[in-house]
Amino acid sequence: MSNNTAPQQRPALADDTDASPDADFKPLSAEQAQQWRQSNPPLSPWRIVAWQAMAGALVTLVAGVLDRGWTLSVAYGALAVVIPAAVLARALSRQRGAAGVALAGFFVWELVKIVLTVAILLAAPKLVPKLNWLALWAGFVVAMKVYWVAVWLHPARRKPQ
């Protein structure tokens, strides 16, 4: 006699074991939503642009101390981040409307930002005398990565004392 019982099947995903993933979801009341908005203010894109500009200025000063020939290249690299970010921040701060329209607008302006960044970088050899690509990329990367520092230092992340 053979035992023809099928092996017990296990759920493929953790969600398969839950009866309903929305079972614990409770919508906020208007007062709770207002309180949440007050305790979690949005991060201004202008604050990020300001942090990027400050980091670009700082790395430019450091480059000037190390080698004066690098200064313009480092500054140009930082500006290749700051200028397109400022264009995007300006466009998004003026945008109003339905969520779908705002999302489409974001994608359009993000594309404009990318194209502008590439154009600025492609113009570097003609605009920057004695261009040092390594110094330019150093300024570019420092200014670009400051975004995460700005998010990390956002007041909503700080715990009340």
C-alpha atoms as a PDB file:
ATOM      1  CA  MET A   1       0.000   0.000   0.000  1.00  0.00           C
ATOM      2  CA  SER A   2       1.249   3.406  -0.870  1.00  0.00           C
ATOM      3  CA  ASN A   3       0.538   6.558   0.982  1.00  0.00           C
ATOM      4  CA  ASN A   4      -0.841   8.999  -1.633  1.00  0.00           C
ATOM      5  CA  THR A   5      -1.373  11.987   0.607  1.00  0.00           C
ATOM      6  CA  ALA A   6      -0.253  15.283  -0.889  1.00  0.00           C
ATOM      7  CA  PRO A   7       2.401  17.201   1.027  1.00  0.00           C
ATOM      8  CA  GLN A   8       1.099  20.094   3.045  1.00  0.00           C
ATOM      9  CA  GLN A   9       1.539  23.360   1.151  1.00  0.00           C
ATOM     10  CA  ARG A  10       3.050  26.370   2.833  1.00  0.00           C
ATOM     11  CA  PRO A  11       2.144  29.937   1.982  1.00  0.00           C
ATOM     12  CA  ALA A  12       4.473  31.525  -0.558  1.00  0.00           C
ATOM     13  CA  LEU A  13       4.496  34.958   1.041  1.00  0.00           C
ATOM     14  CA  ALA A  14       4.052  36.259   4.540  1.00  0.00           C
ATOM     15  CA  ASP A  15       0.931  38.135   3.432  1.00  0.00           C
ATOM     16  CA  ASP A  16      -0.660  34.836   2.420  1.00  0.00           C
ATOM     17  CA  THR A  17      -0.863  33.873   6.088  1.00  0.00           C
ATOM     18  CA  ASP A  18      -2.676  37.068   7.096  1.00  0.00           C
ATOM     19  CA  ALA A  19      -6.430  37.017   6.950  1.00  0.00           C
ATOM     20  CA  SER A  20      -6.534  40.585   5.715  1.00  0.00           C
ATOM     21  CA  PRO A  21      -3.613  43.004   5.467  1.00  0.00           C
ATOM     22  CA  ASP A  22      -5.993  45.940   6.065  1.00  0.00           C
ATOM     23  CA  ALA A  23      -7.540  44.461   9.201  1.00  0.00           C
ATOM     24  CA  ASP A  24      -5.495  46.692  11.524  1.00  0.00           C
ATOM     25  CA  PHE A  25      -5.839  49.839   9.404  1.00  0.00           C
ATOM     26  CA  LYS A  26      -7.817  52.634  11.009  1.00  0.00           C
ATOM     27  CA  PRO A  27      -8.287  55.918   9.162  1.00  0.00           C
ATOM     28  CA  LEU A  28      -7.340  59.083  11.027  1.00  0.00           C
ATOM     29  CA  SER A  29      -9.958  61.583  12.026  1.00  0.00           C
ATOM     30  CA  ALA A  30      -9.604  65.148  10.732  1.00  0.00           C
ATOM     31  CA  GLU A  31      -8.154  66.249  14.078  1.00  0.00           C
ATOM     32  CA  GLN A  32      -5.660  63.364  14.165  1.00  0.00           C
ATOM     33  CA  ALA A  33      -4.602  64.082  10.581  1.00  0.00           C
ATOM     34  CA  GLN A  34      -4.068  67.766  11.407  1.00  0.00           C
ATOM     35  CA  GLN A  35      -2.043  66.839  14.496  1.00  0.00           C
ATOM     36  CA  TRP A  36       0.068  64.424  12.440  1.00  0.00           C
ATOM     37  CA  ARG A  37       0.744  67.134   9.815  1.00  0.00           C
ATOM     38  CA  GLN A  38       1.842  69.553  12.533  1.00  0.00           C
ATOM     39  CA  SER A  39       4.204  67.041  14.133  1.00  0.00           C
ATOM     40  CA  ASN A  40       5.609  65.911  10.732  1.00  0.00           C
ATOM     41  CA  PRO A  41       6.198  69.027   8.631  1.00  0.00           C
ATOM     42  CA  PRO A  42       7.245  68.421   5.027  1.00  0.00           C
ATOM     43  CA  LEU A  43      10.876  68.908   4.052  1.00  0.00           C
ATOM     44  CA  SER A  44      11.160  72.008   1.888  1.00  0.00           C
ATOM     45  CA  PRO A  45      12.970  71.425  -1.403  1.00  0.00           C
ATOM     46  CA  TRP A  46      14.568  74.845  -0.898  1.00  0.00           C
ATOM     47  CA  ARG A  47      16.206  73.585   2.289  1.00  0.00           C
ATOM     48  CA  ILE A  48      17.781  70.746   0.313  1.00  0.00           C
ATOM     49  CA  VAL A  49      18.979  73.188  -2.361  1.00  0.00           C
ATOM     50  CA  ALA A  50      20.470  75.391   0.377  1.00  0.00           C
ATOM     51  CA  TRP A  51      22.292  72.418   1.942  1.00  0.00           C
ATOM     52  CA  GLN A  52      23.619  71.426  -1.475  1.00  0.00           C
ATOM     53  CA  ALA A  53      24.850  74.973  -2.126  1.00  0.00           C
ATOM     54  CA  MET A  54      26.542  75.154   1.281  1.00  0.00           C
ATOM     55  CA  ALA A  55      28.243  71.795   0.749  1.00  0.00           C
ATOM     56  CA  GLY A  56      29.348  72.899  -2.715  1.00  0.00           C
ATOM     57  CA  ALA A  57      30.810  76.109  -1.279  1.00  0.00           C
ATOM     58  CA  LEU A  58      32.587  74.174   1.467  1.00  0.00           C
ATOM     59  CA  VAL A  59      34.137  71.610  -0.881  1.00  0.00           C
ATOM     60  CA  THR A  60      35.156  74.464  -3.202  1.00  0.00           C
ATOM     61  CA  LEU A  61      36.952  76.188  -0.308  1.00  0.00           C
ATOM     62  CA  VAL A  62      38.704  72.947   0.625  1.00  0.00           C
ATOM     63  CA  ALA A  63      39.732  72.435  -3.008  1.00  0.00           C
ATOM     64  CA  GLY A  64      41.047  75.997  -3.121  1.00  0.00           C
ATOM     65  CA  VAL A  65      43.245  75.312  -0.117  1.00  0.00           C
ATOM     66  CA  LEU A  66      44.552  72.038  -1.584  1.00  0.00           C
ATOM     67  CA  ASP A  67      45.104  73.201  -5.169  1.00  0.00           C
ATOM     68  CA  ARG A  68      43.913  76.504  -6.622  1.00  0.00           C
ATOM     69  CA  GLY A  69      43.617  74.929 -10.056  1.00  0.00           C
ATOM     70  CA  TRP A  70      40.807  72.687  -8.832  1.00  0.00           C
ATOM     71  CA  THR A  71      38.621  75.447  -7.413  1.00  0.00           C
ATOM     72  CA  LEU A  72      36.689  76.344 -10.552  1.00  0.00           C
ATOM     73  CA  SER A  73      36.197  72.701 -11.521  1.00  0.00           C
ATOM     74  CA  VAL A  74      34.855  71.771  -8.079  1.00  0.00           C
ATOM     75  CA  ALA A  75      32.553  74.808  -8.007  1.00  0.00           C
ATOM     76  CA  TYR A  76      31.253  74.001 -11.492  1.00  0.00           C
ATOM     77  CA  GLY A  77      30.547  70.414 -10.434  1.00  0.00           C
ATOM     78  CA  ALA A  78      28.556  71.619  -7.421  1.00  0.00           C
ATOM     79  CA  LEU A  79      26.660  74.113  -9.594  1.00  0.00           C
ATOM     80  CA  ALA A  80      25.767  71.270 -11.963  1.00  0.00           C
ATOM     81  CA  VAL A  81      23.728  69.882  -9.060  1.00  0.00           C
ATOM     82  CA  VAL A  82      22.471  73.073  -7.410  1.00  0.00           C
ATOM     83  CA  ILE A  83      21.123  74.876 -10.504  1.00  0.00           C
ATOM     84  CA  PRO A  84      18.944  71.988 -11.771  1.00  0.00           C
ATOM     85  CA  ALA A  85      17.782  71.275  -8.198  1.00  0.00           C
ATOM     86  CA  ALA A  86      16.731  74.914  -7.826  1.00  0.00           C
ATOM     87  CA  VAL A  87      14.814  74.731 -11.131  1.00  0.00           C
ATOM     88  CA  LEU A  88      12.998  71.619  -9.899  1.00  0.00           C
ATOM     89  CA  ALA A  89      12.264  73.175  -6.496  1.00  0.00           C
ATOM     90  CA  ARG A  90      10.852  76.294  -8.143  1.00  0.00           C
ATOM     91  CA  ALA A  91       8.661  74.256 -10.481  1.00  0.00           C
ATOM     92  CA  LEU A  92       7.334  72.015  -7.707  1.00  0.00           C
ATOM     93  CA  SER A  93       6.656  74.908  -5.338  1.00  0.00           C
ATOM     94  CA  ARG A  94       4.459  76.564  -7.973  1.00  0.00           C
ATOM     95  CA  GLN A  95       2.550  73.390  -8.766  1.00  0.00           C
ATOM     96  CA  ARG A  96      -1.027  72.972  -7.575  1.00  0.00           C
ATOM     97  CA  GLY A  97      -3.798  70.643  -8.613  1.00  0.00           C
ATOM     98  CA  ALA A  98      -4.939  67.061  -8.493  1.00  0.00           C
ATOM     99  CA  ALA A  99      -2.573  64.332  -7.374  1.00  0.00           C
ATOM    100  CA  GLY A 100      -2.305  62.764 -10.841  1.00  0.00           C
ATOM    101  CA  VAL A 101      -1.480  66.089 -12.446  1.00  0.00           C
ATOM    102  CA  ALA A 102       1.087  66.851  -9.720  1.00  0.00           C
ATOM    103  CA  LEU A 103       2.724  63.453 -10.225  1.00  0.00           C
ATOM    104  CA  ALA A 104       2.905  63.949 -13.996  1.00  0.00           C
ATOM    105  CA  GLY A 105       4.322  67.433 -13.423  1.00  0.00           C
ATOM    106  CA  PHE A 106       6.944  66.009 -11.083  1.00  0.00           C
ATOM    107  CA  PHE A 107       8.073  63.507 -13.716  1.00  0.00           C
ATOM    108  CA  VAL A 108       8.249  66.216 -16.394  1.00  0.00           C
ATOM    109  CA  TRP A 109      10.271  68.550 -14.190  1.00  0.00           C
ATOM    110  CA  GLU A 110      12.530  65.710 -13.034  1.00  0.00           C
ATOM    111  CA  LEU A 111      13.254  65.009 -16.707  1.00  0.00           C
ATOM    112  CA  VAL A 112      13.994  68.720 -17.222  1.00  0.00           C
ATOM    113  CA  LYS A 113      16.365  68.556 -14.242  1.00  0.00           C
ATOM    114  CA  ILE A 114      18.219  65.557 -15.683  1.00  0.00           C
ATOM    115  CA  VAL A 115      18.522  67.121 -19.146  1.00  0.00           C
ATOM    116  CA  LEU A 116      19.737  70.397 -17.634  1.00  0.00           C
ATOM    117  CA  THR A 117      22.320  68.549 -15.513  1.00  0.00           C
ATOM    118  CA  VAL A 118      23.639  66.658 -18.539  1.00  0.00           C
ATOM    119  CA  ALA A 119      23.768  69.881 -20.590  1.00  0.00           C
ATOM    120  CA  ILE A 120      25.718  71.675 -17.851  1.00  0.00           C
ATOM    121  CA  LEU A 121      28.183  68.795 -17.615  1.00  0.00           C
ATOM    122  CA  LEU A 122      28.604  68.619 -21.398  1.00  0.00           C
ATOM    123  CA  ALA A 123      29.300  72.372 -21.503  1.00  0.00           C
ATOM    124  CA  ALA A 124      32.039  72.100 -18.860  1.00  0.00           C
ATOM    125  CA  PRO A 125      35.000  71.685 -21.256  1.00  0.00           C
ATOM    126  CA  LYS A 126      34.062  74.900 -23.073  1.00  0.00           C
ATOM    127  CA  LEU A 127      33.174  76.946 -19.985  1.00  0.00           C
ATOM    128  CA  VAL A 128      35.806  75.912 -17.439  1.00  0.00           C
ATOM    129  CA  PRO A 129      39.409  76.751 -18.277  1.00  0.00           C
ATOM    130  CA  LYS A 130      41.894  74.030 -17.299  1.00  0.00           C
ATOM    131  CA  LEU A 131      39.037  71.685 -16.403  1.00  0.00           C
ATOM    132  CA  ASN A 132      39.916  68.910 -13.987  1.00  0.00           C
ATOM    133  CA  TRP A 133      37.271  66.210 -14.381  1.00  0.00           C
ATOM    134  CA  LEU A 134      38.140  64.516 -11.108  1.00  0.00           C
ATOM    135  CA  ALA A 135      37.674  67.785  -9.210  1.00  0.00           C
ATOM    136  CA  LEU A 136      34.426  68.464 -11.095  1.00  0.00           C
ATOM    137  CA  TRP A 137      33.076  65.035 -10.140  1.00  0.00           C
ATOM    138  CA  ALA A 138      34.146  65.573  -6.542  1.00  0.00           C
ATOM    139  CA  GLY A 139      32.073  68.763  -6.348  1.00  0.00           C
ATOM    140  CA  PHE A 140      29.195  67.058  -8.156  1.00  0.00           C
ATOM    141  CA  VAL A 141      29.135  63.998  -5.891  1.00  0.00           C
ATOM    142  CA  VAL A 142      29.458  65.979  -2.646  1.00  0.00           C
ATOM    143  CA  ALA A 143      26.607  68.302  -3.622  1.00  0.00           C
ATOM    144  CA  MET A 144      24.469  65.387  -4.796  1.00  0.00           C
ATOM    145  CA  LYS A 145      24.941  63.291  -1.663  1.00  0.00           C
ATOM    146  CA  VAL A 146      24.118  66.173   0.668  1.00  0.00           C
ATOM    147  CA  TYR A 147      20.464  65.454  -0.105  1.00  0.00           C
ATOM    148  CA  TRP A 148      20.599  62.560   2.368  1.00  0.00           C
ATOM    149  CA  VAL A 149      22.192  64.737   5.028  1.00  0.00           C
ATOM    150  CA  ALA A 150      19.394  67.287   4.615  1.00  0.00           C
ATOM    151  CA  VAL A 151      16.786  64.537   4.999  1.00  0.00           C
ATOM    152  CA  TRP A 152      18.618  63.144   8.020  1.00  0.00           C
ATOM    153  CA  LEU A 153      18.805  66.571   9.688  1.00  0.00           C
ATOM    154  CA  HIS A 154      15.130  67.319   8.981  1.00  0.00           C
ATOM    155  CA  PRO A 155      13.389  68.555  12.166  1.00  0.00           C
ATOM    156  CA  ALA A 156      10.655  65.904  11.939  1.00  0.00           C
ATOM    157  CA  ARG A 157      13.301  63.216  12.551  1.00  0.00           C
ATOM    158  CA  ARG A 158      14.371  64.775  15.820  1.00  0.00           C
ATOM    159  CA  LYS A 159      12.744  63.405  18.915  1.00  0.00           C
ATOM    160  CA  PRO A 160      11.012  65.900  21.225  1.00  0.00           C
ATOM    161  CA  GLN A 161      12.943  66.578  24.403  1.00  0.00           C
END
